Amino acid sequence: MANSADQPEFSMGRAAELIGVTPAFLRSLDEAGLISPERSAGGHRRYSRHQLDLAARVRQLLDEGLLLTAACRVVSLEDQLDAAHRRIAELEGALIPRQTRRDLGTTRYYRAPAARP
């Protein structure tokens, strides 16, 4: 089941208004491949809260002087890192196999590191 932050609930106009950008800015993020909004039955773009968070972060980086392609790359990597941290938190306490080159024939286990806040 999808996270409520991933539900496409905002029209382009409402999304742009919520984060203080123009609809053209949101279209540029779609063209850059950072966000891919879902489409309504009528073909209108629908954005999720998560996508709006990414778009707002890009806007912040652009205001700090980054180029659009660089800002999109930074935001994409930040989003991937956040997802990795969430996954680590889910696995916290689980046993994860670890092997080194010296002991490939022997499986050893260690506890997953605690998630950072």
PDB file of N, CA and C in Angstrom:
ATOM      1  N   MET A   1       0.847  -1.176   0.000  1.00  0.00           N
ATOM      2  CA  MET A   1       0.000   0.000   0.000  1.00  0.00           C
ATOM      3  C   MET A   1       0.886   1.231   0.000  1.00  0.00           C
ATOM      4  N   ALA A   2       0.528   2.245  -0.768  1.00  0.00           N
ATOM      5  CA  ALA A   2       1.325   3.453  -0.899  1.00  0.00           C
ATOM      6  C   ALA A   2       1.196   4.327   0.342  1.00  0.00           C
ATOM      7  N   ASN A   3       2.266   5.006   0.629  1.00  0.00           N
ATOM      8  CA  ASN A   3       2.296   5.966   1.719  1.00  0.00           C
ATOM      9  C   ASN A   3       1.377   7.124   1.359  1.00  0.00           C
ATOM     10  N   SER A   4       0.696   7.730   2.346  1.00  0.00           N
ATOM     11  CA  SER A   4      -0.207   8.843   2.049  1.00  0.00           C
ATOM     12  C   SER A   4       0.543  10.018   1.427  1.00  0.00           C
ATOM     13  N   ALA A   5       1.834  10.159   1.699  1.00  0.00           N
ATOM     14  CA  ALA A   5       2.631  11.222   1.096  1.00  0.00           C
ATOM     15  C   ALA A   5       2.853  10.973  -0.390  1.00  0.00           C
ATOM     16  N   ASP A   6       2.595   9.751  -0.845  1.00  0.00           N
ATOM     17  CA  ASP A   6       2.778   9.405  -2.252  1.00  0.00           C
ATOM     18  C   ASP A   6       1.473   9.403  -3.045  1.00  0.00           C
ATOM     19  N   GLN A   7       0.367   9.740  -2.405  1.00  0.00           N
ATOM     20  CA  GLN A   7      -0.920   9.778  -3.095  1.00  0.00           C
ATOM     21  C   GLN A   7      -1.003  11.037  -3.955  1.00  0.00           C
ATOM     22  N   PRO A   8      -1.290  10.898  -5.244  1.00  0.00           N
ATOM     23  CA  PRO A   8      -1.395  12.063  -6.123  1.00  0.00           C
ATOM     24  C   PRO A   8      -2.711  12.809  -5.885  1.00  0.00           C
ATOM     25  N   GLU A   9      -2.651  13.862  -5.086  1.00  0.00           N
ATOM     26  CA  GLU A   9      -3.889  14.533  -4.707  1.00  0.00           C
ATOM     27  C   GLU A   9      -3.979  15.996  -5.104  1.00  0.00           C
ATOM     28  N   PHE A  10      -2.883  16.597  -5.596  1.00  0.00           N
ATOM     29  CA  PHE A  10      -2.899  18.029  -5.883  1.00  0.00           C
ATOM     30  C   PHE A  10      -2.841  18.295  -7.387  1.00  0.00           C
ATOM     31  N   SER A  11      -3.725  19.161  -7.849  1.00  0.00           N
ATOM     32  CA  SER A  11      -3.676  19.589  -9.243  1.00  0.00           C
ATOM     33  C   SER A  11      -2.431  20.454  -9.441  1.00  0.00           C
ATOM     34  N   MET A  12      -2.055  20.681 -10.678  1.00  0.00           N
ATOM     35  CA  MET A  12      -0.870  21.485 -10.950  1.00  0.00           C
ATOM     36  C   MET A  12      -1.005  22.887 -10.347  1.00  0.00           C
ATOM     37  N   GLY A  13      -2.139  23.518 -10.541  1.00  0.00           N
ATOM     38  CA  GLY A  13      -2.330  24.871 -10.005  1.00  0.00           C
ATOM     39  C   GLY A  13      -2.229  24.909  -8.494  1.00  0.00           C
ATOM     40  N   ARG A  14      -2.877  23.967  -7.841  1.00  0.00           N
ATOM     41  CA  ARG A  14      -2.848  23.908  -6.374  1.00  0.00           C
ATOM     42  C   ARG A  14      -1.446  23.570  -5.875  1.00  0.00           C
ATOM     43  N   ALA A  15      -0.790  22.645  -6.555  1.00  0.00           N
ATOM     44  CA  ALA A  15       0.573  22.260  -6.169  1.00  0.00           C
ATOM     45  C   ALA A  15       1.510  23.458  -6.268  1.00  0.00           C
ATOM     46  N   ALA A  16       1.431  24.177  -7.385  1.00  0.00           N
ATOM     47  CA  ALA A  16       2.289  25.350  -7.579  1.00  0.00           C
ATOM     48  C   ALA A  16       2.021  26.398  -6.501  1.00  0.00           C
ATOM     49  N   GLU A  17       0.752  26.601  -6.188  1.00  0.00           N
ATOM     50  CA  GLU A  17       0.375  27.573  -5.164  1.00  0.00           C
ATOM     51  C   GLU A  17       0.917  27.165  -3.788  1.00  0.00           C
ATOM     52  N   LEU A  18       0.818  25.891  -3.462  1.00  0.00           N
ATOM     53  CA  LEU A  18       1.249  25.411  -2.148  1.00  0.00           C
ATOM     54  C   LEU A  18       2.739  25.647  -1.888  1.00  0.00           C
ATOM     55  N   ILE A  19       3.559  25.500  -2.927  1.00  0.00           N
ATOM     56  CA  ILE A  19       5.005  25.636  -2.700  1.00  0.00           C
ATOM     57  C   ILE A  19       5.577  26.930  -3.280  1.00  0.00           C
ATOM     58  N   GLY A  20       4.703  27.788  -3.812  1.00  0.00           N
ATOM     59  CA  GLY A  20       5.133  29.098  -4.263  1.00  0.00           C
ATOM     60  C   GLY A  20       5.954  29.105  -5.545  1.00  0.00           C
ATOM     61  N   VAL A  21       5.559  28.271  -6.505  1.00  0.00           N
ATOM     62  CA  VAL A  21       6.237  28.232  -7.804  1.00  0.00           C
ATOM     63  C   VAL A  21       5.188  28.367  -8.899  1.00  0.00           C
ATOM     64  N   THR A  22       5.650  28.411 -10.128  1.00  0.00           N
ATOM     65  CA  THR A  22       4.728  28.469 -11.259  1.00  0.00           C
ATOM     66  C   THR A  22       4.469  27.061 -11.792  1.00  0.00           C
ATOM     67  N   PRO A  23       3.353  26.877 -12.486  1.00  0.00           N
ATOM     68  CA  PRO A  23       3.123  25.583 -13.134  1.00  0.00           C
ATOM     69  C   PRO A  23       4.252  25.227 -14.104  1.00  0.00           C
ATOM     70  N   ALA A  24       4.827  26.224 -14.767  1.00  0.00           N
ATOM     71  CA  ALA A  24       5.932  25.963 -15.699  1.00  0.00           C
ATOM     72  C   ALA A  24       7.126  25.351 -14.965  1.00  0.00           C
ATOM     73  N   PHE A  25       7.364  25.782 -13.736  1.00  0.00           N
ATOM     74  CA  PHE A  25       8.459  25.218 -12.939  1.00  0.00           C
ATOM     75  C   PHE A  25       8.206  23.737 -12.691  1.00  0.00           C
ATOM     76  N   LEU A  26       6.981  23.388 -12.333  1.00  0.00           N
ATOM     77  CA  LEU A  26       6.659  21.978 -12.095  1.00  0.00           C
ATOM     78  C   LEU A  26       6.809  21.166 -13.376  1.00  0.00           C
ATOM     79  N   ARG A  27       6.387  21.728 -14.507  1.00  0.00           N
ATOM     80  CA  ARG A  27       6.564  21.023 -15.778  1.00  0.00           C
ATOM     81  C   ARG A  27       8.047  20.801 -16.075  1.00  0.00           C
ATOM     82  N   SER A  28       8.893  21.793 -15.726  1.00  0.00           N
ATOM     83  CA  SER A  28      10.333  21.651 -15.984  1.00  0.00           C
ATOM     84  C   SER A  28      10.932  20.513 -15.161  1.00  0.00           C
ATOM     85  N   LEU A  29      10.417  20.279 -13.962  1.00  0.00           N
ATOM     86  CA  LEU A  29      10.909  19.170 -13.138  1.00  0.00           C
ATOM     87  C   LEU A  29      10.473  17.831 -13.720  1.00  0.00           C
ATOM     88  N   ASP A  30       9.306  17.807 -14.332  1.00  0.00           N
ATOM     89  CA  ASP A  30       8.838  16.608 -15.026  1.00  0.00           C
ATOM     90  C   ASP A  30       9.744  16.345 -16.233  1.00  0.00           C
ATOM     91  N   GLU A  31      10.043  17.384 -17.000  1.00  0.00           N
ATOM     92  CA  GLU A  31      10.922  17.249 -18.163  1.00  0.00           C
ATOM     93  C   GLU A  31      12.337  16.840 -17.763  1.00  0.00           C
ATOM     94  N   ALA A  32      12.797  17.313 -16.599  1.00  0.00           N
ATOM     95  CA  ALA A  32      14.132  16.961 -16.109  1.00  0.00           C
ATOM     96  C   ALA A  32      14.179  15.544 -15.548  1.00  0.00           C
ATOM     97  N   GLY A  33      13.010  14.931 -15.352  1.00  0.00           N
ATOM     98  CA  GLY A  33      12.957  13.559 -14.871  1.00  0.00           C
ATOM     99  C   GLY A  33      12.992  13.413 -13.361  1.00  0.00           C
ATOM    100  N   LEU A  34      12.885  14.519 -12.619  1.00  0.00           N
ATOM    101  CA  LEU A  34      12.912  14.423 -11.161  1.00  0.00           C
ATOM    102  C   LEU A  34      11.593  13.900 -10.619  1.00  0.00           C
ATOM    103  N   ILE A  35      10.502  14.446 -11.092  1.00  0.00           N
ATOM    104  CA  ILE A  35       9.186  13.996 -10.642  1.00  0.00           C
ATOM    105  C   ILE A  35       8.342  13.648 -11.864  1.00  0.00           C
ATOM    106  N   SER A  36       7.549  12.632 -11.727  1.00  0.00           N
ATOM    107  CA  SER A  36       6.636  12.211 -12.797  1.00  0.00           C
ATOM    108  C   SER A  36       5.240  12.143 -12.207  1.00  0.00           C
ATOM    109  N   PRO A  37       4.504  13.233 -12.310  1.00  0.00           N
ATOM    110  CA  PRO A  37       3.167  13.231 -11.710  1.00  0.00           C
ATOM    111  C   PRO A  37       2.245  12.242 -12.409  1.00  0.00           C
ATOM    112  N   GLU A  38       1.311  11.729 -11.639  1.00  0.00           N
ATOM    113  CA  GLU A  38       0.292  10.857 -12.220  1.00  0.00           C
ATOM    114  C   GLU A  38      -0.642  11.744 -13.039  1.00  0.00           C
ATOM    115  N   ARG A  39      -1.484  11.115 -13.826  1.00  0.00           N
ATOM    116  CA  ARG A  39      -2.451  11.855 -14.644  1.00  0.00           C
ATOM    117  C   ARG A  39      -3.863  11.469 -14.220  1.00  0.00           C
ATOM    118  N   SER A  40      -4.732  12.466 -14.177  1.00  0.00           N
ATOM    119  CA  SER A  40      -6.138  12.202 -13.880  1.00  0.00           C
ATOM    120  C   SER A  40      -6.774  11.567 -15.112  1.00  0.00           C
ATOM    121  N   ALA A  41      -8.016  11.144 -14.981  1.00  0.00           N
ATOM    122  CA  ALA A  41      -8.733  10.551 -16.118  1.00  0.00           C
ATOM    123  C   ALA A  41      -8.790  11.530 -17.288  1.00  0.00           C
ATOM    124  N   GLY A  42      -8.808  12.825 -16.982  1.00  0.00           N
ATOM    125  CA  GLY A  42      -8.839  13.852 -18.020  1.00  0.00           C
ATOM    126  C   GLY A  42      -7.467  14.241 -18.535  1.00  0.00           C
ATOM    127  N   GLY A  43      -6.404  13.598 -18.016  1.00  0.00           N
ATOM    128  CA  GLY A  43      -5.049  13.863 -18.487  1.00  0.00           C
ATOM    129  C   GLY A  43      -4.316  14.965 -17.747  1.00  0.00           C
ATOM    130  N   HIS A  44      -4.910  15.475 -16.666  1.00  0.00           N
ATOM    131  CA  HIS A  44      -4.274  16.542 -15.905  1.00  0.00           C
ATOM    132  C   HIS A  44      -3.261  15.973 -14.915  1.00  0.00           C
ATOM    133  N   ARG A  45      -2.167  16.686 -14.741  1.00  0.00           N
ATOM    134  CA  ARG A  45      -1.134  16.245 -13.797  1.00  0.00           C
ATOM    135  C   ARG A  45      -1.668  16.308 -12.372  1.00  0.00           C
ATOM    136  N   ARG A  46      -1.304  15.287 -11.584  1.00  0.00           N
ATOM    137  CA  ARG A  46      -1.670  15.224 -10.161  1.00  0.00           C
ATOM    138  C   ARG A  46      -0.404  14.937  -9.375  1.00  0.00           C
ATOM    139  N   TYR A  47      -0.108  15.776  -8.391  1.00  0.00           N
ATOM    140  CA  TYR A  47       1.126  15.687  -7.623  1.00  0.00           C
ATOM    141  C   TYR A  47       0.862  15.172  -6.209  1.00  0.00           C
ATOM    142  N   SER A  48       1.841  14.441  -5.698  1.00  0.00           N
ATOM    143  CA  SER A  48       1.773  13.954  -4.315  1.00  0.00           C
ATOM    144  C   SER A  48       2.503  14.931  -3.402  1.00  0.00           C
ATOM    145  N   ARG A  49       2.279  14.779  -2.115  1.00  0.00           N
ATOM    146  CA  ARG A  49       2.977  15.611  -1.119  1.00  0.00           C
ATOM    147  C   ARG A  49       4.491  15.393  -1.237  1.00  0.00           C
ATOM    148  N   HIS A  50       4.905  14.159  -1.438  1.00  0.00           N
ATOM    149  CA  HIS A  50       6.325  13.843  -1.574  1.00  0.00           C
ATOM    150  C   HIS A  50       6.926  14.577  -2.773  1.00  0.00           C
ATOM    151  N   GLN A  51       6.230  14.565  -3.891  1.00  0.00           N
ATOM    152  CA  GLN A  51       6.717  15.270  -5.079  1.00  0.00           C
ATOM    153  C   GLN A  51       6.813  16.776  -4.823  1.00  0.00           C
ATOM    154  N   LEU A  52       5.867  17.308  -4.083  1.00  0.00           N
ATOM    155  CA  LEU A  52       5.922  18.740  -3.764  1.00  0.00           C
ATOM    156  C   LEU A  52       7.101  19.057  -2.848  1.00  0.00           C
ATOM    157  N   ASP A  53       7.406  18.155  -1.932  1.00  0.00           N
ATOM    158  CA  ASP A  53       8.578  18.336  -1.075  1.00  0.00           C
ATOM    159  C   ASP A  53       9.858  18.373  -1.912  1.00  0.00           C
ATOM    160  N   LEU A  54       9.957  17.472  -2.894  1.00  0.00           N
ATOM    161  CA  LEU A  54      11.131  17.454  -3.773  1.00  0.00           C
ATOM    162  C   LEU A  54      11.212  18.745  -4.586  1.00  0.00           C
ATOM    163  N   ALA A  55      10.075  19.180  -5.124  1.00  0.00           N
ATOM    164  CA  ALA A  55      10.051  20.406  -5.924  1.00  0.00           C
ATOM    165  C   ALA A  55      10.440  21.622  -5.093  1.00  0.00           C
ATOM    166  N   ALA A  56       9.958  21.684  -3.860  1.00  0.00           N
ATOM    167  CA  ALA A  56      10.298  22.807  -2.980  1.00  0.00           C
ATOM    168  C   ALA A  56      11.796  22.811  -2.674  1.00  0.00           C
ATOM    169  N   ARG A  57      12.368  21.641  -2.494  1.00  0.00           N
ATOM    170  CA  ARG A  57      13.812  21.551  -2.227  1.00  0.00           C
ATOM    171  C   ARG A  57      14.615  22.007  -3.451  1.00  0.00           C
ATOM    172  N   VAL A  58      14.178  21.643  -4.652  1.00  0.00           N
ATOM    173  CA  VAL A  58      14.847  22.114  -5.866  1.00  0.00           C
ATOM    174  C   VAL A  58      14.789  23.633  -5.922  1.00  0.00           C
ATOM    175  N   ARG A  59      13.613  24.188  -5.650  1.00  0.00           N
ATOM    176  CA  ARG A  59      13.461  25.655  -5.667  1.00  0.00           C
ATOM    177  C   ARG A  59      14.447  26.300  -4.695  1.00  0.00           C
ATOM    178  N   GLN A  60      14.608  25.717  -3.526  1.00  0.00           N
ATOM    179  CA  GLN A  60      15.542  26.236  -2.520  1.00  0.00           C
ATOM    180  C   GLN A  60      16.968  26.214  -3.060  1.00  0.00           C
ATOM    181  N   LEU A  61      17.364  25.121  -3.682  1.00  0.00           N
ATOM    182  CA  LEU A  61      18.720  25.011  -4.219  1.00  0.00           C
ATOM    183  C   LEU A  61      18.941  25.980  -5.384  1.00  0.00           C
ATOM    184  N   LEU A  62      17.915  26.181  -6.209  1.00  0.00           N
ATOM    185  CA  LEU A  62      18.030  27.161  -7.283  1.00  0.00           C
ATOM    186  C   LEU A  62      18.226  28.559  -6.709  1.00  0.00           C
ATOM    187  N   ASP A  63      17.513  28.862  -5.640  1.00  0.00           N
ATOM    188  CA  ASP A  63      17.659  30.165  -4.983  1.00  0.00           C
ATOM    189  C   ASP A  63      19.055  30.351  -4.401  1.00  0.00           C
ATOM    190  N   GLU A  64      19.717  29.236  -4.078  1.00  0.00           N
ATOM    191  CA  GLU A  64      21.080  29.282  -3.548  1.00  0.00           C
ATOM    192  C   GLU A  64      22.125  29.331  -4.661  1.00  0.00           C
ATOM    193  N   GLY A  65      21.675  29.271  -5.919  1.00  0.00           N
ATOM    194  CA  GLY A  65      22.598  29.440  -7.034  1.00  0.00           C
ATOM    195  C   GLY A  65      22.934  28.205  -7.842  1.00  0.00           C
ATOM    196  N   LEU A  66      22.359  27.061  -7.519  1.00  0.00           N
ATOM    197  CA  LEU A  66      22.635  25.857  -8.306  1.00  0.00           C
ATOM    198  C   LEU A  66      21.863  25.911  -9.621  1.00  0.00           C
ATOM    199  N   LEU A  67      22.389  25.257 -10.636  1.00  0.00           N
ATOM    200  CA  LEU A  67      21.683  25.098 -11.894  1.00  0.00           C
ATOM    201  C   LEU A  67      20.609  24.037 -11.721  1.00  0.00           C
ATOM    202  N   LEU A  68      19.597  24.061 -12.587  1.00  0.00           N
ATOM    203  CA  LEU A  68      18.481  23.122 -12.467  1.00  0.00           C
ATOM    204  C   LEU A  68      18.947  21.677 -12.487  1.00  0.00           C
ATOM    205  N   THR A  69      19.832  21.327 -13.415  1.00  0.00           N
ATOM    206  CA  THR A  69      20.282  19.927 -13.494  1.00  0.00           C
ATOM    207  C   THR A  69      21.013  19.514 -12.220  1.00  0.00           C
ATOM    208  N   ALA A  70      21.830  20.401 -11.680  1.00  0.00           N
ATOM    209  CA  ALA A  70      22.562  20.093 -10.445  1.00  0.00           C
ATOM    210  C   ALA A  70      21.592  19.976  -9.268  1.00  0.00           C
ATOM    211  N   ALA A  71      20.635  20.889  -9.191  1.00  0.00           N
ATOM    212  CA  ALA A  71      19.664  20.861  -8.093  1.00  0.00           C
ATOM    213  C   ALA A  71      18.834  19.579  -8.148  1.00  0.00           C
ATOM    214  N   CYS A  72      18.428  19.180  -9.353  1.00  0.00           N
ATOM    215  CA  CYS A  72      17.652  17.942  -9.488  1.00  0.00           C
ATOM    216  C   CYS A  72      18.484  16.733  -9.069  1.00  0.00           C
ATOM    217  N   ARG A  73      19.749  16.725  -9.423  1.00  0.00           N
ATOM    218  CA  ARG A  73      20.628  15.606  -9.052  1.00  0.00           C
ATOM    219  C   ARG A  73      20.799  15.542  -7.538  1.00  0.00           C
ATOM    220  N   VAL A  74      21.050  16.696  -6.918  1.00  0.00           N
ATOM    221  CA  VAL A  74      21.209  16.742  -5.455  1.00  0.00           C
ATOM    222  C   VAL A  74      19.945  16.230  -4.776  1.00  0.00           C
ATOM    223  N   VAL A  75      18.798  16.710  -5.212  1.00  0.00           N
ATOM    224  CA  VAL A  75      17.532  16.314  -4.592  1.00  0.00           C
ATOM    225  C   VAL A  75      17.263  14.823  -4.808  1.00  0.00           C
ATOM    226  N   SER A  76      17.581  14.327  -5.985  1.00  0.00           N
ATOM    227  CA  SER A  76      17.409  12.904  -6.260  1.00  0.00           C
ATOM    228  C   SER A  76      18.272  12.067  -5.319  1.00  0.00           C
ATOM    229  N   LEU A  77      19.520  12.463  -5.151  1.00  0.00           N
ATOM    230  CA  LEU A  77      20.422  11.723  -4.258  1.00  0.00           C
ATOM    231  C   LEU A  77      19.981  11.839  -2.803  1.00  0.00           C
ATOM    232  N   GLU A  78      19.525  13.017  -2.390  1.00  0.00           N
ATOM    233  CA  GLU A  78      19.016  13.172  -1.025  1.00  0.00           C
ATOM    234  C   GLU A  78      17.813  12.260  -0.791  1.00  0.00           C
ATOM    235  N   ASP A  79      16.943  12.169  -1.797  1.00  0.00           N
ATOM    236  CA  ASP A  79      15.760  11.328  -1.675  1.00  0.00           C
ATOM    237  C   ASP A  79      16.143   9.850  -1.577  1.00  0.00           C
ATOM    238  N   GLN A  80      17.129   9.428  -2.370  1.00  0.00           N
ATOM    239  CA  GLN A  80      17.601   8.047  -2.307  1.00  0.00           C
ATOM    240  C   GLN A  80      18.219   7.750  -0.943  1.00  0.00           C
ATOM    241  N   LEU A  81      18.970   8.692  -0.411  1.00  0.00           N
ATOM    242  CA  LEU A  81      19.583   8.509   0.902  1.00  0.00           C
ATOM    243  C   LEU A  81      18.521   8.417   1.992  1.00  0.00           C
ATOM    244  N   ASP A  82      17.498   9.268   1.910  1.00  0.00           N
ATOM    245  CA  ASP A  82      16.398   9.187   2.877  1.00  0.00           C
ATOM    246  C   ASP A  82      15.716   7.819   2.815  1.00  0.00           C
ATOM    247  N   ALA A  83      15.503   7.316   1.600  1.00  0.00           N
ATOM    248  CA  ALA A  83      14.878   5.998   1.450  1.00  0.00           C
ATOM    249  C   ALA A  83      15.766   4.910   2.050  1.00  0.00           C
ATOM    250  N   ALA A  84      17.069   5.022   1.864  1.00  0.00           N
ATOM    251  CA  ALA A  84      17.999   4.042   2.433  1.00  0.00           C
ATOM    252  C   ALA A  84      17.967   4.090   3.953  1.00  0.00           C
ATOM    253  N   HIS A  85      17.913   5.292   4.511  1.00  0.00           N
ATOM    254  CA  HIS A  85      17.841   5.418   5.970  1.00  0.00           C
ATOM    255  C   HIS A  85      16.538   4.819   6.508  1.00  0.00           C
ATOM    256  N   ARG A  86      15.435   5.031   5.789  1.00  0.00           N
ATOM    257  CA  ARG A  86      14.163   4.432   6.222  1.00  0.00           C
ATOM    258  C   ARG A  86      14.250   2.905   6.179  1.00  0.00           C
ATOM    259  N   ARG A  87      14.893   2.382   5.145  1.00  0.00           N
ATOM    260  CA  ARG A  87      15.024   0.919   5.018  1.00  0.00           C
ATOM    261  C   ARG A  87      15.898   0.360   6.134  1.00  0.00           C
ATOM    262  N   ILE A  88      16.970   1.042   6.445  1.00  0.00           N
ATOM    263  CA  ILE A  88      17.839   0.617   7.543  1.00  0.00           C
ATOM    264  C   ILE A  88      17.055   0.596   8.850  1.00  0.00           C
ATOM    265  N   ALA A  89      16.240   1.628   9.060  1.00  0.00           N
ATOM    266  CA  ALA A  89      15.429   1.684  10.282  1.00  0.00           C
ATOM    267  C   ALA A  89      14.455   0.506  10.340  1.00  0.00           C
ATOM    268  N   GLU A  90      13.895   0.128   9.177  1.00  0.00           N
ATOM    269  CA  GLU A  90      12.993  -1.034   9.134  1.00  0.00           C
ATOM    270  C   GLU A  90      13.728  -2.315   9.504  1.00  0.00           C
ATOM    271  N   LEU A  91      14.983  -2.399   9.104  1.00  0.00           N
ATOM    272  CA  LEU A  91      15.763  -3.608   9.344  1.00  0.00           C
ATOM    273  C   LEU A  91      16.480  -3.598  10.688  1.00  0.00           C
ATOM    274  N   GLU A  92      16.360  -2.512  11.409  1.00  0.00           N
ATOM    275  CA  GLU A  92      17.076  -2.390  12.681  1.00  0.00           C
ATOM    276  C   GLU A  92      16.797  -3.606  13.564  1.00  0.00           C
ATOM    277  N   GLY A  93      17.850  -4.165  14.064  1.00  0.00           N
ATOM    278  CA  GLY A  93      17.722  -5.330  14.927  1.00  0.00           C
ATOM    279  C   GLY A  93      17.722  -6.649  14.183  1.00  0.00           C
ATOM    280  N   ALA A  94      17.543  -6.610  12.873  1.00  0.00           N
ATOM    281  CA  ALA A  94      17.557  -7.850  12.091  1.00  0.00           C
ATOM    282  C   ALA A  94      19.002  -8.304  11.907  1.00  0.00           C
ATOM    283  N   LEU A  95      19.181  -9.586  11.776  1.00  0.00           N
ATOM    284  CA  LEU A  95      20.512 -10.114  11.511  1.00  0.00           C
ATOM    285  C   LEU A  95      20.788 -10.035  10.018  1.00  0.00           C
ATOM    286  N   ILE A  96      21.932  -9.484   9.673  1.00  0.00           N
ATOM    287  CA  ILE A  96      22.312  -9.321   8.271  1.00  0.00           C
ATOM    288  C   ILE A  96      23.602 -10.094   8.041  1.00  0.00           C
ATOM    289  N   PRO A  97      23.670 -10.971   7.018  1.00  0.00           N
ATOM    290  CA  PRO A  97      24.904 -11.711   6.777  1.00  0.00           C
ATOM    291  C   PRO A  97      26.031 -10.782   6.324  1.00  0.00           C
ATOM    292  N   ARG A  98      27.244 -11.072   6.807  1.00  0.00           N
ATOM    293  CA  ARG A  98      28.414 -10.293   6.421  1.00  0.00           C
ATOM    294  C   ARG A  98      29.538 -11.261   6.150  1.00  0.00           C
ATOM    295  N   GLN A  99      30.220 -11.072   5.036  1.00  0.00           N
ATOM    296  CA  GLN A  99      31.357 -11.917   4.707  1.00  0.00           C
ATOM    297  C   GLN A  99      32.505 -11.045   4.229  1.00  0.00           C
ATOM    298  N   THR A 100      33.700 -11.512   4.514  1.00  0.00           N
ATOM    299  CA  THR A 100      34.899 -10.837   4.027  1.00  0.00           C
ATOM    300  C   THR A 100      35.587 -11.760   3.040  1.00  0.00           C
ATOM    301  N   ARG A 101      36.593 -11.259   2.345  1.00  0.00           N
ATOM    302  CA  ARG A 101      37.297 -12.087   1.372  1.00  0.00           C
ATOM    303  C   ARG A 101      37.971 -13.289   2.050  1.00  0.00           C
ATOM    304  N   ARG A 102      38.467 -13.090   3.257  1.00  0.00           N
ATOM    305  CA  ARG A 102      39.174 -14.169   3.947  1.00  0.00           C
ATOM    306  C   ARG A 102      38.251 -15.310   4.364  1.00  0.00           C
ATOM    307  N   ASP A 103      37.033 -14.985   4.692  1.00  0.00           N
ATOM    308  CA  ASP A 103      36.163 -16.037   5.227  1.00  0.00           C
ATOM    309  C   ASP A 103      34.901 -16.214   4.383  1.00  0.00           C
ATOM    310  N   LEU A 104      35.039 -16.232   3.063  1.00  0.00           N
ATOM    311  CA  LEU A 104      33.884 -16.379   2.190  1.00  0.00           C
ATOM    312  C   LEU A 104      33.138 -17.679   2.430  1.00  0.00           C
ATOM    313  N   GLY A 105      33.812 -18.671   2.926  1.00  0.00           N
ATOM    314  CA  GLY A 105      33.148 -19.942   3.178  1.00  0.00           C
ATOM    315  C   GLY A 105      32.368 -19.967   4.475  1.00  0.00           C
ATOM    316  N   THR A 106      32.561 -18.989   5.339  1.00  0.00           N
ATOM    317  CA  THR A 106      31.910 -18.947   6.637  1.00  0.00           C
ATOM    318  C   THR A 106      31.003 -17.728   6.722  1.00  0.00           C
ATOM    319  N   THR A 107      29.742 -17.938   7.014  1.00  0.00           N
ATOM    320  CA  THR A 107      28.813 -16.815   7.153  1.00  0.00           C
ATOM    321  C   THR A 107      28.853 -16.315   8.582  1.00  0.00           C
ATOM    322  N   ARG A 108      28.979 -15.007   8.711  1.00  0.00           N
ATOM    323  CA  ARG A 108      28.941 -14.377  10.034  1.00  0.00           C
ATOM    324  C   ARG A 108      27.801 -13.373  10.040  1.00  0.00           C
ATOM    325  N   TYR A 109      27.312 -13.069  11.213  1.00  0.00           N
ATOM    326  CA  TYR A 109      26.205 -12.132  11.336  1.00  0.00           C
ATOM    327  C   TYR A 109      26.558 -11.007  12.289  1.00  0.00           C
ATOM    328  N   TYR A 110      25.965  -9.858  12.045  1.00  0.00           N
ATOM    329  CA  TYR A 110      26.120  -8.735  12.955  1.00  0.00           C
ATOM    330  C   TYR A 110      24.782  -7.992  12.988  1.00  0.00           C
ATOM    331  N   ARG A 111      24.597  -7.243  14.013  1.00  0.00           N
ATOM    332  CA  ARG A 111      23.365  -6.476  14.142  1.00  0.00           C
ATOM    333  C   ARG A 111      23.441  -5.245  13.261  1.00  0.00           C
ATOM    334  N   ALA A 112      22.327  -4.903  12.624  1.00  0.00           N
ATOM    335  CA  ALA A 112      22.258  -3.695  11.806  1.00  0.00           C
ATOM    336  C   ALA A 112      22.475  -2.479  12.711  1.00  0.00           C
ATOM    337  N   PRO A 113      23.140  -1.441  12.199  1.00  0.00           N
ATOM    338  CA  PRO A 113      23.373  -0.257  13.011  1.00  0.00           C
ATOM    339  C   PRO A 113      22.054   0.441  13.334  1.00  0.00           C
ATOM    340  N   ALA A 114      22.037   1.151  14.446  1.00  0.00           N
ATOM    341  CA  ALA A 114      20.843   1.895  14.847  1.00  0.00           C
ATOM    342  C   ALA A 114      20.615   3.026  13.856  1.00  0.00           C
ATOM    343  N   ALA A 115      19.346   3.290  13.569  1.00  0.00           N
ATOM    344  CA  ALA A 115      19.004   4.383  12.647  1.00  0.00           C
ATOM    345  C   ALA A 115      19.296   5.715  13.299  1.00  0.00           C
ATOM    346  N   ARG A 116      19.748   6.640  12.470  1.00  0.00           N
ATOM    347  CA  ARG A 116      19.985   8.003  12.972  1.00  0.00           C
ATOM    348  C   ARG A 116      18.699   8.794  12.884  1.00  0.00           C
ATOM    349  N   PRO A 117      18.482   9.663  13.852  1.00  0.00           N
ATOM    350  CA  PRO A 117      17.230  10.461  13.846  1.00  0.00           C
ATOM    351  C   PRO A 117      17.206  11.434  12.693  1.00  0.00           C
TER     352      PRO A 117
END
